[in-house]
Amino acid sequence: MHCPFTERTKLMKPYPLGIDNPIKIKAVWGSHKWALYWKDDHTKIATFNSQNEAYQARQSIIESL
């Protein structure tokens, strides 16, 4: 029996909407750069030139946890 719900959950990325995401992405004020921060203590992880690079880096970090 084919269950579309189980197929969909296999394809879903961790933290799809950013809810309870341990890493936040924020724009660096006064520049065009983007930064990653740990949610719990607001420690900066890294800075990137584009929002897309920041999202890709966050996804890689979360997958490695």
N, C-alpha and C. Protein backbone atom coordinates (compact mmCIF):
# COMPACT_ATOMS: atom_id res chain seq x y z
N MET A 1 0.83 -1.18 0.00
CA MET A 1 0.00 0.00 0.00
C MET A 1 0.88 1.25 0.00
N HIS A 2 0.60 2.16 -0.86
CA HIS A 2 1.38 3.40 -1.00
C HIS A 2 0.81 4.48 -0.09
N CYS A 3 1.64 5.04 0.73
CA CYS A 3 1.19 6.09 1.65
C CYS A 3 1.93 7.39 1.29
N PRO A 4 1.21 8.38 0.76
CA PRO A 4 1.89 9.63 0.35
C PRO A 4 2.49 10.38 1.52
N PHE A 5 1.95 10.21 2.73
CA PHE A 5 2.49 10.92 3.88
C PHE A 5 3.91 10.46 4.20
N THR A 6 4.15 9.13 4.17
CA THR A 6 5.48 8.64 4.47
C THR A 6 6.47 9.04 3.39
N GLU A 7 6.03 9.10 2.15
CA GLU A 7 6.91 9.54 1.07
C GLU A 7 7.27 11.01 1.26
N ARG A 8 6.31 11.82 1.65
CA ARG A 8 6.56 13.24 1.83
C ARG A 8 7.50 13.50 3.00
N THR A 9 7.36 12.75 4.10
CA THR A 9 8.22 12.97 5.25
C THR A 9 9.66 12.56 4.96
N LYS A 10 9.86 11.62 4.05
CA LYS A 10 11.21 11.24 3.67
C LYS A 10 11.90 12.37 2.91
N LEU A 11 11.13 13.15 2.14
CA LEU A 11 11.68 14.21 1.33
C LEU A 11 11.83 15.53 2.08
N MET A 12 11.18 15.66 3.21
CA MET A 12 11.22 16.92 3.94
C MET A 12 12.59 17.17 4.54
N LYS A 13 13.03 18.40 4.50
CA LYS A 13 14.30 18.79 5.08
C LYS A 13 14.12 19.07 6.57
N PRO A 14 15.18 18.93 7.35
CA PRO A 14 15.05 19.27 8.76
C PRO A 14 14.77 20.76 8.92
N TYR A 15 13.89 21.09 9.82
CA TYR A 15 13.52 22.48 10.11
C TYR A 15 13.06 23.23 8.87
N PRO A 16 12.03 22.75 8.15
CA PRO A 16 11.65 23.37 6.89
C PRO A 16 11.21 24.83 7.00
N LEU A 17 10.61 25.21 8.11
CA LEU A 17 10.12 26.58 8.25
C LEU A 17 10.95 27.39 9.23
N GLY A 18 12.01 26.81 9.73
CA GLY A 18 12.83 27.53 10.69
C GLY A 18 12.30 27.46 12.11
N ILE A 19 11.24 26.68 12.32
CA ILE A 19 10.66 26.55 13.65
C ILE A 19 11.57 25.66 14.49
N ASP A 20 11.97 26.14 15.64
CA ASP A 20 12.86 25.41 16.55
C ASP A 20 14.20 25.08 15.90
N ASN A 21 14.60 25.88 14.94
CA ASN A 21 15.88 25.68 14.29
C ASN A 21 16.98 26.16 15.21
N PRO A 22 18.03 25.36 15.47
CA PRO A 22 19.09 25.79 16.39
C PRO A 22 20.00 26.86 15.81
N ILE A 23 19.92 27.10 14.49
CA ILE A 23 20.78 28.09 13.83
C ILE A 23 19.89 29.12 13.13
N LYS A 24 20.11 30.39 13.43
CA LYS A 24 19.36 31.48 12.81
C LYS A 24 20.19 32.15 11.73
N ILE A 25 19.53 32.62 10.68
CA ILE A 25 20.19 33.37 9.62
C ILE A 25 19.69 34.80 9.69
N LYS A 26 20.61 35.76 9.77
CA LYS A 26 20.23 37.16 9.86
C LYS A 26 21.08 37.98 8.90
N ALA A 27 20.47 39.03 8.37
CA ALA A 27 21.21 39.97 7.53
C ALA A 27 22.16 40.78 8.42
N VAL A 28 23.36 41.04 7.92
CA VAL A 28 24.31 41.87 8.64
C VAL A 28 23.93 43.32 8.37
N TRP A 29 23.59 44.04 9.40
CA TRP A 29 23.09 45.39 9.27
C TRP A 29 24.15 46.30 8.65
N GLY A 30 23.76 47.07 7.64
CA GLY A 30 24.67 47.99 6.99
C GLY A 30 25.51 47.37 5.89
N SER A 31 25.21 46.14 5.51
CA SER A 31 25.96 45.48 4.43
C SER A 31 25.00 44.58 3.66
N HIS A 32 25.55 43.89 2.68
CA HIS A 32 24.76 42.94 1.90
C HIS A 32 25.08 41.51 2.30
N LYS A 33 25.70 41.34 3.43
CA LYS A 33 26.13 40.02 3.89
C LYS A 33 25.09 39.38 4.82
N TRP A 34 25.23 38.08 5.00
CA TRP A 34 24.34 37.29 5.85
C TRP A 34 25.18 36.50 6.84
N ALA A 35 24.67 36.31 8.04
CA ALA A 35 25.42 35.61 9.08
C ALA A 35 24.58 34.51 9.72
N LEU A 36 25.27 33.49 10.20
CA LEU A 36 24.65 32.39 10.95
C LEU A 36 24.95 32.59 12.43
N TYR A 37 23.92 32.38 13.26
CA TYR A 37 24.06 32.50 14.72
C TYR A 37 23.42 31.30 15.39
N TRP A 38 24.04 30.83 16.50
CA TRP A 38 23.38 29.82 17.33
C TRP A 38 22.21 30.48 18.03
N LYS A 39 21.06 29.81 18.04
CA LYS A 39 19.84 30.38 18.60
C LYS A 39 19.95 30.58 20.11
N ASP A 40 20.55 29.63 20.82
CA ASP A 40 20.53 29.68 22.28
C ASP A 40 21.36 30.81 22.89
N ASP A 41 22.55 31.07 22.35
CA ASP A 41 23.38 32.11 22.97
C ASP A 41 23.80 33.23 21.99
N HIS A 42 23.26 33.20 20.78
CA HIS A 42 23.50 34.23 19.76
C HIS A 42 24.97 34.38 19.38
N THR A 43 25.72 33.29 19.45
CA THR A 43 27.11 33.29 19.04
C THR A 43 27.17 33.22 17.52
N LYS A 44 27.95 34.11 16.91
CA LYS A 44 28.07 34.11 15.45
C LYS A 44 28.91 32.91 15.01
N ILE A 45 28.41 32.22 13.99
CA ILE A 45 29.11 31.06 13.44
C ILE A 45 29.95 31.47 12.24
N ALA A 46 29.32 32.19 11.30
CA ALA A 46 30.03 32.57 10.08
C ALA A 46 29.26 33.67 9.36
N THR A 47 29.93 34.33 8.41
CA THR A 47 29.33 35.37 7.59
C THR A 47 29.47 34.97 6.12
N PHE A 48 28.44 35.25 5.32
CA PHE A 48 28.42 34.86 3.92
C PHE A 48 28.04 36.04 3.03
N ASN A 49 28.41 35.95 1.76
CA ASN A 49 28.12 37.02 0.81
C ASN A 49 26.69 37.02 0.31
N SER A 50 26.01 35.88 0.42
CA SER A 50 24.63 35.82 -0.06
C SER A 50 23.77 35.02 0.91
N GLN A 51 22.48 35.27 0.84
CA GLN A 51 21.53 34.55 1.69
C GLN A 51 21.51 33.07 1.31
N ASN A 52 21.63 32.78 0.03
CA ASN A 52 21.62 31.40 -0.43
C ASN A 52 22.80 30.61 0.14
N GLU A 53 23.98 31.22 0.15
CA GLU A 53 25.15 30.56 0.73
C GLU A 53 24.94 30.28 2.22
N ALA A 54 24.32 31.22 2.91
CA ALA A 54 24.06 31.04 4.33
C ALA A 54 23.09 29.90 4.57
N TYR A 55 22.02 29.81 3.76
CA TYR A 55 21.06 28.72 3.91
C TYR A 55 21.72 27.37 3.63
N GLN A 56 22.56 27.31 2.61
CA GLN A 56 23.23 26.04 2.28
C GLN A 56 24.18 25.63 3.40
N ALA A 57 24.89 26.59 3.96
CA ALA A 57 25.81 26.27 5.06
C ALA A 57 25.04 25.80 6.29
N ARG A 58 23.92 26.47 6.60
CA ARG A 58 23.11 26.05 7.75
C ARG A 58 22.61 24.62 7.55
N GLN A 59 22.15 24.31 6.35
CA GLN A 59 21.65 22.96 6.08
C GLN A 59 22.77 21.93 6.27
N SER A 60 23.96 22.25 5.81
CA SER A 60 25.10 21.33 5.97
C SER A 60 25.43 21.12 7.45
N ILE A 61 25.42 22.20 8.21
CA ILE A 61 25.72 22.10 9.65
C ILE A 61 24.68 21.25 10.35
N ILE A 62 23.41 21.50 10.06
CA ILE A 62 22.32 20.75 10.72
C ILE A 62 22.39 19.27 10.36
N GLU A 63 22.70 18.97 9.11
CA GLU A 63 22.80 17.56 8.71
C GLU A 63 23.97 16.85 9.38
N SER A 64 25.02 17.62 9.72
CA SER A 64 26.19 17.01 10.37
C SER A 64 26.02 16.83 11.87
N LEU A 65 25.00 17.46 12.45
CA LEU A 65 24.78 17.33 13.91
C LEU A 65 24.25 15.96 14.28
